[in-house]
Full PDB file with SEQRES, HELIX, SHEET, SSBOND, CRYST1, ORIGX, SCALE, CONECT and MASTER records, all heavy atoms in Angstrom:
SEQRES   1 A   38  LEU SER LYS PRO THR VAL LEU ARG PHE THR LYS SER LEU          
SEQRES   2 A   38  ALA ARG GLY GLY TYR LEU VAL ARG ASN ASN ASP ALA THR          
SEQRES   3 A   38  TRP ARG LEU GLY PRO LYS LEU ALA ARG LEU GLY MET              
HELIX    1 AA1 LYS A    3  ARG A   15  1                                  13    
HELIX    2 AA2 PRO A   31  GLY A   37  1                                   7    
SHEET    1 AA1 2 LEU A  19  ARG A  21  0                                        
SHEET    2 AA1 2 TRP A  27  LEU A  29 -1                                        
CRYST1    1.000    1.000    1.000  90.00  90.00  90.00 P 1           1          
ORIGX1      1.000000  0.000000  0.000000        0.00000                         
ORIGX2      0.000000  1.000000  0.000000        0.00000                         
ORIGX3      0.000000  0.000000  1.000000        0.00000                         
SCALE1      1.000000  0.000000  0.000000        0.00000                         
SCALE2      0.000000  1.000000  0.000000        0.00000                         
SCALE3      0.000000  0.000000  1.000000        0.00000                         
ATOM      1  N   LEU A   1       0.845  -1.190   0.000  1.00  0.00           N  
ATOM      2  CA  LEU A   1       0.000   0.000   0.000  1.00  0.00           C  
ATOM      3  C   LEU A   1       0.882   1.244   0.000  1.00  0.00           C  
ATOM      4  O   LEU A   1       2.076   1.176   0.280  1.00  0.00           O  
ATOM      5  CB  LEU A   1      -0.920   0.012   1.225  1.00  0.00           C  
ATOM      6  CG  LEU A   1      -1.940  -1.142   1.334  1.00  0.00           C  
ATOM      7  CD1 LEU A   1      -2.596  -1.132   2.699  1.00  0.00           C  
ATOM      8  CD2 LEU A   1      -2.987  -1.038   0.234  1.00  0.00           C  
ATOM      9  N   SER A   2       0.271   2.400  -0.265  1.00  0.00           N  
ATOM     10  CA  SER A   2       1.035   3.646  -0.263  1.00  0.00           C  
ATOM     11  C   SER A   2       1.395   4.056   1.157  1.00  0.00           C  
ATOM     12  O   SER A   2       0.721   3.661   2.127  1.00  0.00           O  
ATOM     13  CB  SER A   2       0.221   4.761  -0.916  1.00  0.00           C  
ATOM     14  OG  SER A   2      -0.899   5.092  -0.099  1.00  0.00           O  
ATOM     15  N   LYS A   3       2.440   4.863   1.297  1.00  0.00           N  
ATOM     16  CA  LYS A   3       2.863   5.312   2.626  1.00  0.00           C  
ATOM     17  C   LYS A   3       1.781   6.133   3.336  1.00  0.00           C  
ATOM     18  O   LYS A   3       1.559   5.940   4.543  1.00  0.00           O  
ATOM     19  CB  LYS A   3       4.176   6.093   2.527  1.00  0.00           C  
ATOM     20  CG  LYS A   3       5.377   5.203   2.241  1.00  0.00           C  
ATOM     21  CD  LYS A   3       6.696   5.896   2.537  1.00  0.00           C  
ATOM     22  CE  LYS A   3       6.968   7.001   1.529  1.00  0.00           C  
ATOM     23  NZ  LYS A   3       8.311   7.599   1.746  1.00  0.00           N  
ATOM     24  N   PRO A   4       1.078   7.073   2.646  1.00  0.00           N  
ATOM     25  CA  PRO A   4       0.007   7.805   3.341  1.00  0.00           C  
ATOM     26  C   PRO A   4      -1.091   6.888   3.874  1.00  0.00           C  
ATOM     27  O   PRO A   4      -1.613   7.095   4.972  1.00  0.00           O  
ATOM     28  CB  PRO A   4      -0.525   8.753   2.255  1.00  0.00           C  
ATOM     29  CG  PRO A   4       0.622   8.951   1.328  1.00  0.00           C  
ATOM     30  CD  PRO A   4       1.318   7.625   1.294  1.00  0.00           C  
ATOM     31  N   THR A   5      -1.434   5.853   3.098  1.00  0.00           N  
ATOM     32  CA  THR A   5      -2.464   4.916   3.546  1.00  0.00           C  
ATOM     33  C   THR A   5      -2.001   4.142   4.765  1.00  0.00           C  
ATOM     34  O   THR A   5      -2.724   4.009   5.764  1.00  0.00           O  
ATOM     35  CB  THR A   5      -2.835   3.934   2.415  1.00  0.00           C  
ATOM     36  OG1 THR A   5      -3.344   4.664   1.313  1.00  0.00           O  
ATOM     37  CG2 THR A   5      -3.884   2.934   2.875  1.00  0.00           C  
ATOM     38  N   VAL A   6      -0.768   3.638   4.716  1.00  0.00           N  
ATOM     39  CA  VAL A   6      -0.229   2.878   5.848  1.00  0.00           C  
ATOM     40  C   VAL A   6      -0.085   3.772   7.066  1.00  0.00           C  
ATOM     41  O   VAL A   6      -0.306   3.339   8.201  1.00  0.00           O  
ATOM     42  CB  VAL A   6       1.114   2.225   5.463  1.00  0.00           C  
ATOM     43  CG1 VAL A   6       1.771   1.579   6.684  1.00  0.00           C  
ATOM     44  CG2 VAL A   6       0.899   1.184   4.371  1.00  0.00           C  
ATOM     45  N   LEU A   7       0.268   5.029   6.867  1.00  0.00           N  
ATOM     46  CA  LEU A   7       0.401   5.958   7.991  1.00  0.00           C  
ATOM     47  C   LEU A   7      -0.921   6.110   8.735  1.00  0.00           C  
ATOM     48  O   LEU A   7      -0.949   6.157   9.974  1.00  0.00           O  
ATOM     49  CB  LEU A   7       0.894   7.322   7.499  1.00  0.00           C  
ATOM     50  CG  LEU A   7       1.100   8.381   8.591  1.00  0.00           C  
ATOM     51  CD1 LEU A   7       2.127   7.920   9.611  1.00  0.00           C  
ATOM     52  CD2 LEU A   7       1.512   9.714   7.958  1.00  0.00           C  
ATOM     53  N   ARG A   8      -2.025   6.162   8.000  1.00  0.00           N  
ATOM     54  CA  ARG A   8      -3.331   6.268   8.662  1.00  0.00           C  
ATOM     55  C   ARG A   8      -3.606   5.048   9.526  1.00  0.00           C  
ATOM     56  O   ARG A   8      -4.103   5.161  10.650  1.00  0.00           O  
ATOM     57  CB  ARG A   8      -4.437   6.434   7.614  1.00  0.00           C  
ATOM     58  CG  ARG A   8      -4.420   7.765   6.891  1.00  0.00           C  
ATOM     59  CD  ARG A   8      -5.766   8.054   6.208  1.00  0.00           C  
ATOM     60  NE  ARG A   8      -6.080   7.062   5.189  1.00  0.00           N  
ATOM     61  CZ  ARG A   8      -5.695   7.167   3.917  1.00  0.00           C  
ATOM     62  NH1 ARG A   8      -4.979   8.216   3.526  1.00  0.00           N  
ATOM     63  NH2 ARG A   8      -6.025   6.239   3.037  1.00  0.00           N  
ATOM     64  N   PHE A   9      -3.250   3.879   9.006  1.00  0.00           N  
ATOM     65  CA  PHE A   9      -3.472   2.656   9.788  1.00  0.00           C  
ATOM     66  C   PHE A   9      -2.558   2.594  11.013  1.00  0.00           C  
ATOM     67  O   PHE A   9      -2.982   2.189  12.096  1.00  0.00           O  
ATOM     68  CB  PHE A   9      -3.269   1.428   8.904  1.00  0.00           C  
ATOM     69  CG  PHE A   9      -4.326   1.243   7.858  1.00  0.00           C  
ATOM     70  CD1 PHE A   9      -3.993   1.077   6.528  1.00  0.00           C  
ATOM     71  CD2 PHE A   9      -5.664   1.245   8.207  1.00  0.00           C  
ATOM     72  CE1 PHE A   9      -4.971   0.916   5.562  1.00  0.00           C  
ATOM     73  CE2 PHE A   9      -6.654   1.074   7.261  1.00  0.00           C  
ATOM     74  CZ  PHE A   9      -6.305   0.925   5.929  1.00  0.00           C  
ATOM     75  N   THR A  10      -1.300   2.977  10.842  1.00  0.00           N  
ATOM     76  CA  THR A  10      -0.374   2.913  11.973  1.00  0.00           C  
ATOM     77  C   THR A  10      -0.804   3.867  13.088  1.00  0.00           C  
ATOM     78  O   THR A  10      -0.702   3.533  14.270  1.00  0.00           O  
ATOM     79  CB  THR A  10       1.062   3.247  11.536  1.00  0.00           C  
ATOM     80  OG1 THR A  10       1.089   4.518  10.881  1.00  0.00           O  
ATOM     81  CG2 THR A  10       1.617   2.177  10.604  1.00  0.00           C  
ATOM     82  N   LYS A  11      -1.302   5.032  12.718  1.00  0.00           N  
ATOM     83  CA  LYS A  11      -1.763   5.980  13.746  1.00  0.00           C  
ATOM     84  C   LYS A  11      -2.966   5.426  14.500  1.00  0.00           C  
ATOM     85  O   LYS A  11      -3.051   5.542  15.727  1.00  0.00           O  
ATOM     86  CB  LYS A  11      -2.111   7.326  13.099  1.00  0.00           C  
ATOM     87  CG  LYS A  11      -0.896   8.131  12.654  1.00  0.00           C  
ATOM     88  CD  LYS A  11      -1.324   9.467  12.059  1.00  0.00           C  
ATOM     89  CE  LYS A  11      -0.109  10.325  11.712  1.00  0.00           C  
ATOM     90  NZ  LYS A  11      -0.500  11.632  11.114  1.00  0.00           N  
ATOM     91  N   SER A  12      -3.897   4.821  13.774  1.00  0.00           N  
ATOM     92  CA  SER A  12      -5.066   4.217  14.428  1.00  0.00           C  
ATOM     93  C   SER A  12      -4.656   3.064  15.338  1.00  0.00           C  
ATOM     94  O   SER A  12      -5.147   2.930  16.463  1.00  0.00           O  
ATOM     95  CB  SER A  12      -6.069   3.725  13.380  1.00  0.00           C  
ATOM     96  OG  SER A  12      -6.607   4.800  12.639  1.00  0.00           O  
ATOM     97  N   LEU A  13      -3.742   2.227  14.849  1.00  0.00           N  
ATOM     98  CA  LEU A  13      -3.265   1.095  15.646  1.00  0.00           C  
ATOM     99  C   LEU A  13      -2.502   1.575  16.880  1.00  0.00           C  
ATOM    100  O   LEU A  13      -2.593   0.972  17.952  1.00  0.00           O  
ATOM    101  CB  LEU A  13      -2.380   0.185  14.788  1.00  0.00           C  
ATOM    102  CG  LEU A  13      -3.117  -0.612  13.703  1.00  0.00           C  
ATOM    103  CD1 LEU A  13      -2.119  -1.197  12.709  1.00  0.00           C  
ATOM    104  CD2 LEU A  13      -3.967  -1.718  14.313  1.00  0.00           C  
ATOM    105  N   ALA A  14      -1.772   2.670  16.744  1.00  0.00           N  
ATOM    106  CA  ALA A  14      -1.022   3.229  17.881  1.00  0.00           C  
ATOM    107  C   ALA A  14      -1.981   3.766  18.941  1.00  0.00           C  
ATOM    108  O   ALA A  14      -1.741   3.608  20.147  1.00  0.00           O  
ATOM    109  CB  ALA A  14      -0.075   4.330  17.404  1.00  0.00           C  
ATOM    110  N   ARG A  15      -3.080   4.404  18.517  1.00  0.00           N  
ATOM    111  CA  ARG A  15      -4.053   4.907  19.489  1.00  0.00           C  
ATOM    112  C   ARG A  15      -4.676   3.776  20.302  1.00  0.00           C  
ATOM    113  O   ARG A  15      -5.047   3.947  21.460  1.00  0.00           O  
ATOM    114  CB  ARG A  15      -5.151   5.701  18.769  1.00  0.00           C  
ATOM    115  CG  ARG A  15      -4.733   7.099  18.343  1.00  0.00           C  
ATOM    116  CD  ARG A  15      -5.930   7.950  17.956  1.00  0.00           C  
ATOM    117  NE  ARG A  15      -6.560   7.477  16.730  1.00  0.00           N  
ATOM    118  CZ  ARG A  15      -6.220   7.883  15.517  1.00  0.00           C  
ATOM    119  NH1 ARG A  15      -5.236   8.770  15.369  1.00  0.00           N  
ATOM    120  NH2 ARG A  15      -6.838   7.401  14.449  1.00  0.00           N  
ATOM    121  N   GLY A  16      -4.790   2.605  19.662  1.00  0.00           N  
ATOM    122  CA  GLY A  16      -5.339   1.458  20.370  1.00  0.00           C  
ATOM    123  C   GLY A  16      -4.319   0.671  21.164  1.00  0.00           C  
ATOM    124  O   GLY A  16      -4.669  -0.285  21.846  1.00  0.00           O  
ATOM    125  N   GLY A  17      -3.037   1.034  21.068  1.00  0.00           N  
ATOM    126  CA  GLY A  17      -1.993   0.334  21.809  1.00  0.00           C  
ATOM    127  C   GLY A  17      -1.412  -0.863  21.082  1.00  0.00           C  
ATOM    128  O   GLY A  17      -0.650  -1.637  21.662  1.00  0.00           O  
ATOM    129  N   TYR A  18      -1.749  -1.020  19.788  1.00  0.00           N  
ATOM    130  CA  TYR A  18      -1.257  -2.161  19.030  1.00  0.00           C  
ATOM    131  C   TYR A  18       0.079  -1.879  18.338  1.00  0.00           C  
ATOM    132  O   TYR A  18       0.779  -2.805  17.950  1.00  0.00           O  
ATOM    133  CB  TYR A  18      -2.296  -2.585  17.993  1.00  0.00           C  
ATOM    134  CG  TYR A  18      -3.593  -3.040  18.626  1.00  0.00           C  
ATOM    135  CD1 TYR A  18      -4.668  -2.165  18.747  1.00  0.00           C  
ATOM    136  CD2 TYR A  18      -3.726  -4.328  19.132  1.00  0.00           C  
ATOM    137  CE1 TYR A  18      -5.848  -2.577  19.353  1.00  0.00           C  
ATOM    138  CE2 TYR A  18      -4.902  -4.745  19.738  1.00  0.00           C  
ATOM    139  CZ  TYR A  18      -5.962  -3.858  19.840  1.00  0.00           C  
ATOM    140  OH  TYR A  18      -7.129  -4.262  20.448  1.00  0.00           O  
ATOM    141  N   LEU A  19       0.416  -0.608  18.178  1.00  0.00           N  
ATOM    142  CA  LEU A  19       1.709  -0.185  17.652  1.00  0.00           C  
ATOM    143  C   LEU A  19       2.234   0.955  18.502  1.00  0.00           C  
ATOM    144  O   LEU A  19       1.465   1.662  19.162  1.00  0.00           O  
ATOM    145  CB  LEU A  19       1.603   0.279  16.193  1.00  0.00           C  
ATOM    146  CG  LEU A  19       1.445  -0.770  15.085  1.00  0.00           C  
ATOM    147  CD1 LEU A  19       1.338  -0.075  13.730  1.00  0.00           C  
ATOM    148  CD2 LEU A  19       2.588  -1.770  15.076  1.00  0.00           C  
ATOM    149  N   VAL A  20       3.545   1.131  18.466  1.00  0.00           N  
ATOM    150  CA  VAL A  20       4.197   2.240  19.169  1.00  0.00           C  
ATOM    151  C   VAL A  20       5.145   2.924  18.190  1.00  0.00           C  
ATOM    152  O   VAL A  20       5.907   2.240  17.490  1.00  0.00           O  
ATOM    153  CB  VAL A  20       4.984   1.755  20.403  1.00  0.00           C  
ATOM    154  CG1 VAL A  20       5.777   2.908  21.025  1.00  0.00           C  
ATOM    155  CG2 VAL A  20       4.027   1.146  21.423  1.00  0.00           C  
ATOM    156  N   ARG A  21       5.094   4.262  18.139  1.00  0.00           N  
ATOM    157  CA  ARG A  21       5.990   5.027  17.270  1.00  0.00           C  
ATOM    158  C   ARG A  21       7.255   5.374  18.046  1.00  0.00           C  
ATOM    159  O   ARG A  21       7.201   5.986  19.112  1.00  0.00           O  
ATOM    160  CB  ARG A  21       5.318   6.305  16.774  1.00  0.00           C  
ATOM    161  CG  ARG A  21       6.115   7.069  15.712  1.00  0.00           C  
ATOM    162  CD  ARG A  21       5.322   8.291  15.265  1.00  0.00           C  
ATOM    163  NE  ARG A  21       5.962   8.972  14.150  1.00  0.00           N  
ATOM    164  CZ  ARG A  21       6.887   9.915  14.290  1.00  0.00           C  
ATOM    165  NH1 ARG A  21       7.309  10.271  15.504  1.00  0.00           N  
ATOM    166  NH2 ARG A  21       7.407  10.511  13.220  1.00  0.00           N  
ATOM    167  N   ASN A  22       8.415   4.959  17.531  1.00  0.00           N  
ATOM    168  CA  ASN A  22       9.691   5.247  18.168  1.00  0.00           C  
ATOM    169  C   ASN A  22      10.132   6.680  17.886  1.00  0.00           C  
ATOM    170  O   ASN A  22       9.588   7.361  17.003  1.00  0.00           O  
ATOM    171  CB  ASN A  22      10.768   4.270  17.669  1.00  0.00           C  
ATOM    172  CG  ASN A  22      10.426   2.830  18.005  1.00  0.00           C  
ATOM    173  OD1 ASN A  22       9.996   2.522  19.107  1.00  0.00           O  
ATOM    174  ND2 ASN A  22      10.610   1.943  17.045  1.00  0.00           N  
ATOM    175  N   ASN A  23      11.150   7.138  18.607  1.00  0.00           N  
ATOM    176  CA  ASN A  23      11.656   8.498  18.432  1.00  0.00           C  
ATOM    177  C   ASN A  23      12.243   8.725  17.040  1.00  0.00           C  
ATOM    178  O   ASN A  23      12.288   9.861  16.550  1.00  0.00           O  
ATOM    179  CB  ASN A  23      12.708   8.826  19.490  1.00  0.00           C  
ATOM    180  CG  ASN A  23      12.100   8.923  20.881  1.00  0.00           C  
ATOM    181  OD1 ASN A  23      10.914   9.247  21.022  1.00  0.00           O  
ATOM    182  ND2 ASN A  23      12.886   8.622  21.907  1.00  0.00           N  
ATOM    183  N   ASP A  24      12.713   7.656  16.401  1.00  0.00           N  
ATOM    184  CA  ASP A  24      13.298   7.794  15.063  1.00  0.00           C  
ATOM    185  C   ASP A  24      12.254   7.614  13.956  1.00  0.00           C  
ATOM    186  O   ASP A  24      12.603   7.411  12.797  1.00  0.00           O  
ATOM    187  CB  ASP A  24      14.448   6.805  14.870  1.00  0.00           C  
ATOM    188  CG  ASP A  24      13.993   5.357  14.988  1.00  0.00           C  
ATOM    189  OD1 ASP A  24      12.792   5.118  15.260  1.00  0.00           O  
ATOM    190  OD2 ASP A  24      14.834   4.457  14.812  1.00  0.00           O  
ATOM    191  N   ALA A  25      10.973   7.674  14.322  1.00  0.00           N  
ATOM    192  CA  ALA A  25       9.845   7.587  13.395  1.00  0.00           C  
ATOM    193  C   ALA A  25       9.587   6.175  12.869  1.00  0.00           C  
ATOM    194  O   ALA A  25       8.761   5.992  11.980  1.00  0.00           O  
ATOM    195  CB  ALA A  25      10.009   8.545  12.211  1.00  0.00           C  
ATOM    196  N   THR A  26      10.287   5.173  13.389  1.00  0.00           N  
ATOM    197  CA  THR A  26       9.967   3.796  13.046  1.00  0.00           C  
ATOM    198  C   THR A  26       8.848   3.310  13.962  1.00  0.00           C  
ATOM    199  O   THR A  26       8.479   3.976  14.933  1.00  0.00           O  
ATOM    200  CB  THR A  26      11.197   2.882  13.186  1.00  0.00           C  
ATOM    201  OG1 THR A  26      11.655   2.939  14.550  1.00  0.00           O  
ATOM    202  CG2 THR A  26      12.311   3.327  12.244  1.00  0.00           C  
ATOM    203  N   TRP A  27       8.334   2.130  13.642  1.00  0.00           N  
ATOM    204  CA  TRP A  27       7.205   1.581  14.396  1.00  0.00           C  
ATOM    205  C   TRP A  27       7.544   0.209  14.960  1.00  0.00           C  
ATOM    206  O   TRP A  27       8.254  -0.563  14.339  1.00  0.00           O  
ATOM    207  CB  TRP A  27       5.977   1.469  13.486  1.00  0.00           C  
ATOM    208  CG  TRP A  27       5.487   2.789  12.986  1.00  0.00           C  
ATOM    209  CD1 TRP A  27       5.913   3.449  11.864  1.00  0.00           C  
ATOM    210  CD2 TRP A  27       4.507   3.628  13.584  1.00  0.00           C  
ATOM    211  NE1 TRP A  27       5.256   4.641  11.725  1.00  0.00           N  
ATOM    212  CE2 TRP A  27       4.374   4.775  12.770  1.00  0.00           C  
ATOM    213  CE3 TRP A  27       3.707   3.517  14.731  1.00  0.00           C  
ATOM    214  CZ2 TRP A  27       3.485   5.809  13.062  1.00  0.00           C  
ATOM    215  CZ3 TRP A  27       2.815   4.554  15.020  1.00  0.00           C  
ATOM    216  CH2 TRP A  27       2.712   5.679  14.190  1.00  0.00           C  
ATOM    217  N   ARG A  28       7.043  -0.071  16.148  1.00  0.00           N  
ATOM    218  CA  ARG A  28       7.204  -1.390  16.758  1.00  0.00           C  
ATOM    219  C   ARG A  28       5.854  -1.851  17.300  1.00  0.00           C  
ATOM    220  O   ARG A  28       4.933  -1.051  17.474  1.00  0.00           O  
ATOM    221  CB  ARG A  28       8.252  -1.373  17.869  1.00  0.00           C  
ATOM    222  CG  ARG A  28       7.952  -0.414  19.019  1.00  0.00           C  
ATOM    223  CD  ARG A  28       9.092  -0.401  20.033  1.00  0.00           C  
ATOM    224  NE  ARG A  28       8.945   0.664  21.014  1.00  0.00           N  
ATOM    225  CZ  ARG A  28       8.237   0.582  22.133  1.00  0.00           C  
ATOM    226  NH1 ARG A  28       7.599  -0.566  22.414  1.00  0.00           N  
ATOM    227  NH2 ARG A  28       8.171   1.584  22.965  1.00  0.00           N  
ATOM    228  N   LEU A  29       5.766  -3.146  17.558  1.00  0.00           N  
ATOM    229  CA  LEU A  29       4.519  -3.700  18.079  1.00  0.00           C  
ATOM    230  C   LEU A  29       4.254  -3.178  19.484  1.00  0.00           C  
ATOM    231  O   LEU A  29       5.179  -2.983  20.278  1.00  0.00           O  
ATOM    232  CB  LEU A  29       4.581  -5.227  18.078  1.00  0.00           C  
ATOM    233  CG  LEU A  29       4.706  -5.882  16.697  1.00  0.00           C  
ATOM    234  CD1 LEU A  29       4.856  -7.385  16.838  1.00  0.00           C  
ATOM    235  CD2 LEU A  29       3.501  -5.556  15.818  1.00  0.00           C  
ATOM    236  N   GLY A  30       2.972  -2.961  19.793  1.00  0.00           N  
ATOM    237  CA  GLY A  30       2.597  -2.349  21.053  1.00  0.00           C  
ATOM    238  C   GLY A  30       2.196  -3.325  22.148  1.00  0.00           C  
ATOM    239  O   GLY A  30       2.047  -4.523  21.917  1.00  0.00           O  
ATOM    240  N   PRO A  31       1.980  -2.800  23.367  1.00  0.00           N  
ATOM    241  CA  PRO A  31       1.700  -3.645  24.538  1.00  0.00           C  
ATOM    242  C   PRO A  31       0.356  -4.359  24.479  1.00  0.00           C  
ATOM    243  O   PRO A  31       0.187  -5.401  25.113  1.00  0.00           O  
ATOM    244  CB  PRO A  31       1.746  -2.649  25.702  1.00  0.00           C  
ATOM    245  CG  PRO A  31       1.442  -1.316  25.078  1.00  0.00           C  
ATOM    246  CD  PRO A  31       2.047  -1.374  23.716  1.00  0.00           C  
ATOM    247  N   LYS A  32      -0.603  -3.824  23.723  1.00  0.00           N  
ATOM    248  CA  LYS A  32      -1.906  -4.481  23.659  1.00  0.00           C  
ATOM    249  C   LYS A  32      -1.779  -5.885  23.047  1.00  0.00           C  
ATOM    250  O   LYS A  32      -2.519  -6.804  23.421  1.00  0.00           O  
ATOM    251  CB  LYS A  32      -2.873  -3.636  22.830  1.00  0.00           C  
ATOM    252  CG  LYS A  32      -4.310  -4.158  22.808  1.00  0.00           C  
ATOM    253  CD  LYS A  32      -4.970  -4.102  24.180  1.00  0.00           C  
ATOM    254  CE  LYS A  32      -5.275  -2.691  24.595  1.00  0.00           C  
ATOM    255  NZ  LYS A  32      -6.284  -2.016  23.822  1.00  0.00           N  
ATOM    256  N   LEU A  33      -0.827  -6.056  22.130  1.00  0.00           N  
ATOM    257  CA  LEU A  33      -0.633  -7.366  21.511  1.00  0.00           C  
ATOM    258  C   LEU A  33      -0.096  -8.381  22.517  1.00  0.00           C  
ATOM    259  O   LEU A  33      -0.419  -9.563  22.455  1.00  0.00           O  
ATOM    260  CB  LEU A  33       0.315  -7.250  20.318  1.00  0.00           C  
ATOM    261  CG  LEU A  33      -0.242  -6.469  19.127  1.00  0.00           C  
ATOM    262  CD1 LEU A  33       0.838  -6.247  18.081  1.00  0.00           C  
ATOM    263  CD2 LEU A  33      -1.436  -7.180  18.522  1.00  0.00           C  
ATOM    264  N   ALA A  34       0.735  -7.911  23.469  1.00  0.00           N  
ATOM    265  CA  ALA A  34       1.249  -8.814  24.508  1.00  0.00           C  
ATOM    266  C   ALA A  34       0.104  -9.327  25.377  1.00  0.00           C  
ATOM    267  O   ALA A  34       0.053 -10.509  25.741  1.00  0.00           O  
ATOM    268  CB  ALA A  34       2.288  -8.096  25.356  1.00  0.00           C  
ATOM    269  N   ARG A  35      -0.832  -8.434  25.694  1.00  0.00           N  
ATOM    270  CA  ARG A  35      -1.993  -8.840  26.494  1.00  0.00           C  
ATOM    271  C   ARG A  35      -2.824  -9.872  25.737  1.00  0.00           C  
ATOM    272  O   ARG A  35      -3.249 -10.886  26.308  1.00  0.00           O  
ATOM    273  CB  ARG A  35      -2.844  -7.624  26.836  1.00  0.00           C  
ATOM    274  CG  ARG A  35      -4.126  -7.951  27.595  1.00  0.00           C  
ATOM    275  CD  ARG A  35      -4.902  -6.685  27.934  1.00  0.00           C  
ATOM    276  NE  ARG A  35      -6.155  -7.021  28.576  1.00  0.00           N  
ATOM    277  CZ  ARG A  35      -7.282  -7.320  27.925  1.00  0.00           C  
ATOM    278  NH1 ARG A  35      -7.276  -7.318  26.591  1.00  0.00           N  
ATOM    279  NH2 ARG A  35      -8.388  -7.616  28.579  1.00  0.00           N  
ATOM    280  N   LEU A  36      -3.068  -9.615  24.453  1.00  0.00           N  
ATOM    281  CA  LEU A  36      -3.835 -10.573  23.657  1.00  0.00           C  
ATOM    282  C   LEU A  36      -3.116 -11.914  23.566  1.00  0.00           C  
ATOM    283  O   LEU A  36      -3.745 -12.973  23.592  1.00  0.00           O  
ATOM    284  CB  LEU A  36      -4.081 -10.010  22.261  1.00  0.00           C  
ATOM    285  CG  LEU A  36      -5.011  -8.797  22.159  1.00  0.00           C  
ATOM    286  CD1 LEU A  36      -5.096  -8.314  20.723  1.00  0.00           C  
ATOM    287  CD2 LEU A  36      -6.396  -9.118  22.701  1.00  0.00           C  
ATOM    288  N   GLY A  37      -1.779 -11.861  23.457  1.00  0.00           N  
ATOM    289  CA  GLY A  37      -0.997 -13.088  23.400  1.00  0.00           C  
ATOM    290  C   GLY A  37      -1.138 -13.914  24.667  1.00  0.00           C  
ATOM    291  O   GLY A  37      -1.266 -15.144  24.613  1.00  0.00           O  
ATOM    292  N   MET A  38      -1.130 -13.250  25.818  1.00  0.00           N  
ATOM    293  CA  MET A  38      -1.290 -13.962  27.089  1.00  0.00           C  
ATOM    294  C   MET A  38      -2.685 -14.575  27.198  1.00  0.00           C  
ATOM    295  O   MET A  38      -2.845 -15.701  27.683  1.00  0.00           O  
ATOM    296  CB  MET A  38      -1.012 -13.018  28.256  1.00  0.00           C  
ATOM    297  CG  MET A  38       0.460 -12.669  28.434  1.00  0.00           C  
ATOM    298  SD  MET A  38       0.820 -11.719  29.936  1.00  0.00           S  
ATOM    299  CE  MET A  38       0.028 -10.160  29.531  1.00  0.00           C  
TER     300      MET A  38                                                      
MASTER        0    0    0    2    2    0    0    6  299    1    0    3          
END                                                                             
């Protein structure tokens, strides 16, 4: 997908705790996924 489209999804996922935006603008998996995993 295009970067603008993916950016919209990453922001929504970050608000829900499923992704986290790092200081260098990269993205990592968020804490909500750890809870779901448990």
